Amino acid sequence: MSVHLVGGGWPENSTGAAFRAFVEEATGRAKDQGVLGAPRIAVVVVRDGDELEHAAALVAEAAHTGLIDERVVALPEGGRAEPGILADADGILVGGGLTPAYLDALAPLFEEIRTRVQEGVPYLGFSAGAMIAPERAIIGGWRIGGVPVSPEEAGEELDEVTVVNGIGLLDVTVEVHTAQWGTLSRLVAATSAGLTDGGIAIDESTALIVGSNGVRVAGAGNVWRVAPDERGVIVDVLAAG
C-alpha cells in the first residue's frame, strides 16, 4: 500500500511527475486483479460549481503517465459521499478545494478508504485531499490565540488554526502549497503550540510518497519536515530525487 500526498499546483508544461508513481501503482494493482484495460481510478472532488473542470484537470495530470479509466465522483460543497463508491477502484484520487468541505463530504468514506488502502489500493491526495489524509489534520485557520501565524488567504474560511481527526492513513499532520502560500509557518506554530506533534509541509507540484519501501519525494519542489524538540521546533528539508 502507498499514500501519495501532492502539495497542489498546476505546473506549466507538466509531465505529471507528482502523479506518476500513483498511476503506476494503480496499473500494477489492476493487473494483479485481472482487470483488462486501464486502471479504474476513483476521482473524488468537492467543489463550488466547478467540480467537473477540477476533476478533468486531475485526470489530465494523471494521464501523463498512461491511460486511466476515471470514475468521477463530483460533489458540491455541503454534499456527502455515499459509502460503497470505491468498491472496484484500483486507485483513489481525492482532489483539492476547501479543506473543511472535503472533510465533511468524505467523512462517510473514511473507514472505506482506510480498508481499501490496507488492501493495497493506492491513495493520492491533492491539496485538500492530502491535508485530510492523516489521523490529525489541519483543515485551516491563520491565527493561534488571535495572533497571525500564516497568510489569511490560506485560512480556508477559518480564523483559528483548527486540527481535527482526518482519514487516518498516516500519523503526521500535512500542509500543502507550502513555498507558494507560506503555510510552513502555520505548521511550525501549530507544533510549537502543541496542537500537533509536528508534520510535513509539501510544495506545489511535489509528492511525498509513503509506502512499504519507505518515504520518498517526487516532483519539482521540496517537502519540509517539522518536529518538536526540547529547544523548540526543528525544520529540515527533503528534496525531490
Protein backbone atom coordinates (compact mmCIF):
# COMPACT_ATOMS: atom_id res chain seq x y z
CA MET A 1 0.00 0.00 0.00
CA SER A 2 1.13 3.56 -0.69
CA VAL A 3 -0.16 7.01 0.18
CA HIS A 4 0.75 9.78 -2.26
CA LEU A 5 0.43 13.35 -0.96
CA VAL A 6 0.64 16.14 -3.54
CA GLY A 7 1.00 19.77 -2.46
CA GLY A 8 -1.33 21.10 -5.18
CA GLY A 9 -0.40 23.28 -8.12
CA TRP A 10 -0.75 23.11 -11.90
CA PRO A 11 2.74 23.42 -13.40
CA GLU A 12 3.29 24.71 -16.91
CA ASN A 13 4.47 22.08 -19.39
CA SER A 14 3.62 19.41 -16.83
CA THR A 15 4.80 15.84 -17.23
CA GLY A 16 2.67 14.62 -14.35
CA ALA A 17 5.75 13.75 -12.27
CA ALA A 18 3.93 14.11 -8.94
CA PHE A 19 1.24 11.64 -10.10
CA ARG A 20 3.46 9.11 -11.89
CA ALA A 21 4.14 6.65 -9.07
CA PHE A 22 0.45 6.63 -8.12
CA VAL A 23 -0.70 5.75 -11.65
CA GLU A 24 2.00 3.10 -12.00
CA GLU A 25 0.95 1.53 -8.71
CA ALA A 26 -2.74 1.59 -9.67
CA THR A 27 -1.87 0.00 -13.01
CA GLY A 28 0.00 -2.81 -11.26
CA ARG A 29 -2.88 -3.28 -8.85
CA ALA A 30 -5.34 -3.57 -11.76
CA LYS A 31 -3.22 -6.20 -13.49
CA ASP A 32 -2.94 -8.19 -10.28
CA GLN A 33 -6.73 -8.13 -10.01
CA GLY A 34 -7.16 -9.38 -13.57
CA VAL A 35 -8.53 -6.09 -14.91
CA LEU A 36 -8.41 -5.89 -18.69
CA GLY A 37 -7.51 -2.38 -19.76
CA ALA A 38 -6.65 0.77 -17.87
CA PRO A 39 -6.74 1.00 -14.07
CA ARG A 40 -10.02 2.19 -12.57
CA ILE A 41 -9.35 5.43 -10.69
CA ALA A 42 -11.99 6.91 -8.40
CA VAL A 43 -11.57 10.69 -8.75
CA VAL A 44 -13.37 12.39 -5.86
CA VAL A 45 -13.86 16.16 -5.95
CA VAL A 46 -15.81 18.53 -3.69
CA ARG A 47 -16.17 21.98 -5.24
CA ASP A 48 -18.41 25.02 -5.53
CA GLY A 49 -19.64 24.84 -9.10
CA ASP A 50 -16.54 23.68 -11.00
CA GLU A 51 -16.47 20.03 -9.95
CA LEU A 52 -16.15 18.58 -13.43
CA GLU A 53 -13.48 21.06 -14.53
CA HIS A 54 -11.35 20.26 -11.48
CA ALA A 55 -11.81 16.53 -12.00
CA ALA A 56 -10.75 16.91 -15.65
CA ALA A 57 -7.56 18.74 -14.61
CA LEU A 58 -6.69 15.95 -12.16
CA VAL A 59 -7.33 13.30 -14.80
CA ALA A 60 -5.11 15.18 -17.27
CA GLU A 61 -2.24 15.22 -14.76
CA ALA A 62 -2.64 11.51 -14.08
CA ALA A 63 -2.93 10.66 -17.78
CA HIS A 64 0.61 11.90 -18.50
CA THR A 65 1.77 8.52 -17.16
CA GLY A 66 -0.67 6.34 -19.08
CA LEU A 67 -4.27 5.56 -19.79
CA ILE A 68 -6.66 5.52 -16.86
CA ASP A 69 -10.32 4.64 -16.52
CA GLU A 70 -11.55 7.54 -14.40
CA ARG A 71 -14.66 7.13 -12.26
CA VAL A 72 -15.50 10.70 -11.26
CA VAL A 73 -17.42 11.37 -8.04
CA ALA A 74 -18.32 15.07 -8.17
CA LEU A 75 -19.85 16.55 -5.03
CA PRO A 76 -20.90 20.14 -4.30
CA GLU A 77 -19.70 21.81 -1.14
CA GLY A 78 -22.13 20.70 1.55
CA GLY A 79 -22.73 17.34 -0.17
CA ARG A 80 -21.93 13.94 1.33
CA ALA A 81 -20.37 10.92 -0.33
CA GLU A 82 -22.22 7.63 -0.46
CA PRO A 83 -20.42 4.61 1.07
CA GLY A 84 -19.53 1.88 -1.42
CA ILE A 85 -18.42 4.12 -4.29
CA LEU A 86 -14.82 2.89 -4.03
CA ALA A 87 -15.61 -0.81 -4.20
CA ASP A 88 -13.94 -1.57 -7.55
CA ALA A 89 -11.30 1.18 -7.59
CA ASP A 90 -7.68 0.34 -8.40
CA GLY A 91 -6.67 3.79 -7.14
CA ILE A 92 -8.29 6.59 -5.14
CA LEU A 93 -7.59 10.21 -6.13
CA VAL A 94 -9.03 12.96 -3.89
CA GLY A 95 -8.79 16.49 -5.23
CA GLY A 96 -8.40 19.99 -3.88
CA GLY A 97 -10.59 22.87 -2.84
CA LEU A 98 -11.98 23.97 0.52
CA THR A 99 -10.47 21.56 3.04
CA PRO A 100 -13.31 21.68 5.63
CA ALA A 101 -15.78 20.86 2.83
CA TYR A 102 -13.73 17.80 1.82
CA LEU A 103 -13.55 16.64 5.43
CA ASP A 104 -17.33 16.84 5.83
CA ALA A 105 -18.16 15.36 2.43
CA LEU A 106 -15.81 12.38 2.70
CA ALA A 107 -16.44 11.53 6.36
CA PRO A 108 -18.79 8.65 5.36
CA LEU A 109 -15.92 7.15 3.31
CA PHE A 110 -13.12 7.34 5.88
CA GLU A 111 -13.38 3.72 7.03
CA GLU A 112 -13.83 2.52 3.45
CA ILE A 113 -10.73 4.45 2.30
CA ARG A 114 -8.64 3.01 5.13
CA THR A 115 -9.82 -0.52 4.29
CA ARG A 116 -9.09 -0.16 0.56
CA VAL A 117 -5.61 1.23 1.22
CA GLN A 118 -4.89 -1.63 3.61
CA GLU A 119 -5.93 -3.97 0.78
CA GLY A 120 -3.27 -2.43 -1.45
CA VAL A 121 -5.19 0.29 -3.31
CA PRO A 122 -3.03 3.44 -3.61
CA TYR A 123 -4.39 6.78 -2.40
CA LEU A 124 -3.43 10.14 -3.86
CA GLY A 125 -4.49 13.29 -2.06
CA PHE A 126 -4.08 16.57 -3.96
CA SER A 127 -4.01 19.72 -1.81
CA ALA A 128 -7.12 19.33 0.40
CA GLY A 129 -7.06 15.59 -0.30
CA ALA A 130 -3.56 15.48 1.20
CA MET A 131 -4.45 17.63 4.21
CA ILE A 132 -7.31 15.38 5.34
CA ALA A 133 -5.32 12.15 4.90
CA PRO A 134 -3.64 11.94 8.37
CA GLU A 135 -5.01 10.91 11.74
CA ARG A 136 -4.84 14.56 12.87
CA ALA A 137 -5.47 17.09 10.13
CA ILE A 138 -5.01 20.84 9.93
CA ILE A 139 -8.06 21.99 7.97
CA GLY A 140 -7.46 25.74 8.03
CA GLY A 141 -7.14 28.86 10.11
CA TRP A 142 -4.46 31.53 10.15
CA ARG A 143 -4.22 32.63 13.78
CA ILE A 144 -3.41 30.92 17.08
CA GLY A 145 -4.73 32.68 20.16
CA GLY A 146 -5.65 35.59 17.94
CA VAL A 147 -2.06 36.03 16.71
CA PRO A 148 -1.42 35.65 12.94
CA VAL A 149 0.82 32.68 12.09
CA SER A 150 0.31 32.45 8.32
CA PRO A 151 -1.37 34.40 5.49
CA GLU A 152 -5.10 34.92 5.96
CA GLU A 153 -5.65 33.88 2.34
CA ALA A 154 -4.65 30.32 3.26
CA GLY A 155 -7.10 30.18 6.18
CA GLU A 156 -9.76 28.06 4.39
CA GLU A 157 -12.51 30.40 5.70
CA LEU A 158 -11.46 29.64 9.29
CA ASP A 159 -9.91 32.07 11.77
CA GLU A 160 -8.17 30.00 14.46
CA VAL A 161 -5.91 27.17 13.28
CA THR A 162 -8.08 24.06 13.50
CA VAL A 163 -6.81 20.50 13.93
CA VAL A 164 -9.35 17.64 13.77
CA ASN A 165 -9.49 13.90 13.09
CA GLY A 166 -8.80 13.04 9.45
CA ILE A 167 -8.96 9.84 7.42
CA GLY A 168 -6.18 8.18 9.40
CA LEU A 169 -3.85 7.00 6.61
CA LEU A 170 -0.69 8.27 8.33
CA ASP A 171 0.32 9.68 11.69
CA VAL A 172 1.82 13.05 10.74
CA THR A 173 -0.04 16.28 10.00
CA VAL A 174 0.15 17.58 6.43
CA GLU A 175 0.42 21.11 4.99
CA VAL A 176 0.30 21.94 1.27
CA HIS A 177 1.11 24.82 -1.14
CA THR A 178 3.98 25.39 1.26
CA ALA A 179 6.53 27.60 -0.52
CA GLN A 180 3.80 29.19 -2.64
CA TRP A 181 1.30 30.14 0.10
CA GLY A 182 3.57 30.47 3.13
CA THR A 183 1.92 27.69 5.13
CA LEU A 184 5.11 26.33 6.69
CA SER A 185 4.79 28.90 9.48
CA ARG A 186 1.32 27.55 10.33
CA LEU A 187 2.67 24.05 10.84
CA VAL A 188 5.61 25.36 12.87
CA ALA A 189 3.31 27.45 15.08
CA ALA A 190 0.80 24.61 15.50
CA THR A 191 3.64 22.29 16.55
CA SER A 192 5.07 24.87 18.98
CA ALA A 193 1.60 25.41 20.49
CA GLY A 194 1.06 21.68 20.96
CA LEU A 195 -1.84 21.48 18.51
CA THR A 196 0.04 18.77 16.61
CA ASP A 197 3.15 16.66 17.14
CA GLY A 198 4.80 18.02 14.02
CA GLY A 199 4.28 17.03 10.43
CA ILE A 200 5.21 17.59 6.81
CA ALA A 201 4.63 20.56 4.51
CA ILE A 202 4.63 19.90 0.75
CA ASP A 203 5.37 22.35 -2.05
CA GLU A 204 3.22 22.54 -5.16
CA SER A 205 3.89 20.06 -7.98
CA THR A 206 5.55 17.81 -5.42
CA ALA A 207 4.54 14.45 -3.95
CA LEU A 208 5.51 12.75 -0.73
CA ILE A 209 5.09 9.01 -1.24
CA VAL A 210 4.72 6.87 1.88
CA GLY A 211 4.75 3.12 1.38
CA SER A 212 6.14 -0.23 2.41
CA ASN A 213 9.51 0.70 0.88
CA GLY A 214 9.83 3.85 2.97
CA VAL A 215 9.37 7.52 2.13
CA ARG A 216 10.42 9.40 -0.99
CA VAL A 217 9.80 12.71 -2.70
CA ALA A 218 8.89 13.19 -6.37
CA GLY A 219 8.20 16.24 -8.49
CA ALA A 220 9.51 19.78 -8.73
CA GLY A 221 9.75 21.05 -5.16
CA ASN A 222 10.54 20.18 -1.57
CA VAL A 223 8.90 18.58 1.43
CA TRP A 224 9.52 20.37 4.72
CA ARG A 225 9.67 18.24 7.87
CA VAL A 226 8.68 19.81 11.19
CA ALA A 227 9.26 18.16 14.56
CA PRO A 228 9.10 19.29 18.20
CA ASP A 229 12.37 19.49 20.09
CA GLU A 230 13.44 20.36 23.63
CA ARG A 231 14.78 23.62 22.20
CA GLY A 232 11.55 24.40 20.33
CA VAL A 233 10.81 23.21 16.79
CA ILE A 234 13.17 21.67 14.22
CA VAL A 235 12.66 22.14 10.47
CA ASP A 236 14.52 20.33 7.72
CA VAL A 237 14.01 19.68 4.02
CA LEU A 238 13.51 16.53 1.97
CA ALA A 239 14.39 17.30 -1.65
CA ALA A 240 12.93 15.51 -4.64
CA GLY A 241 15.13 12.85 -6.13
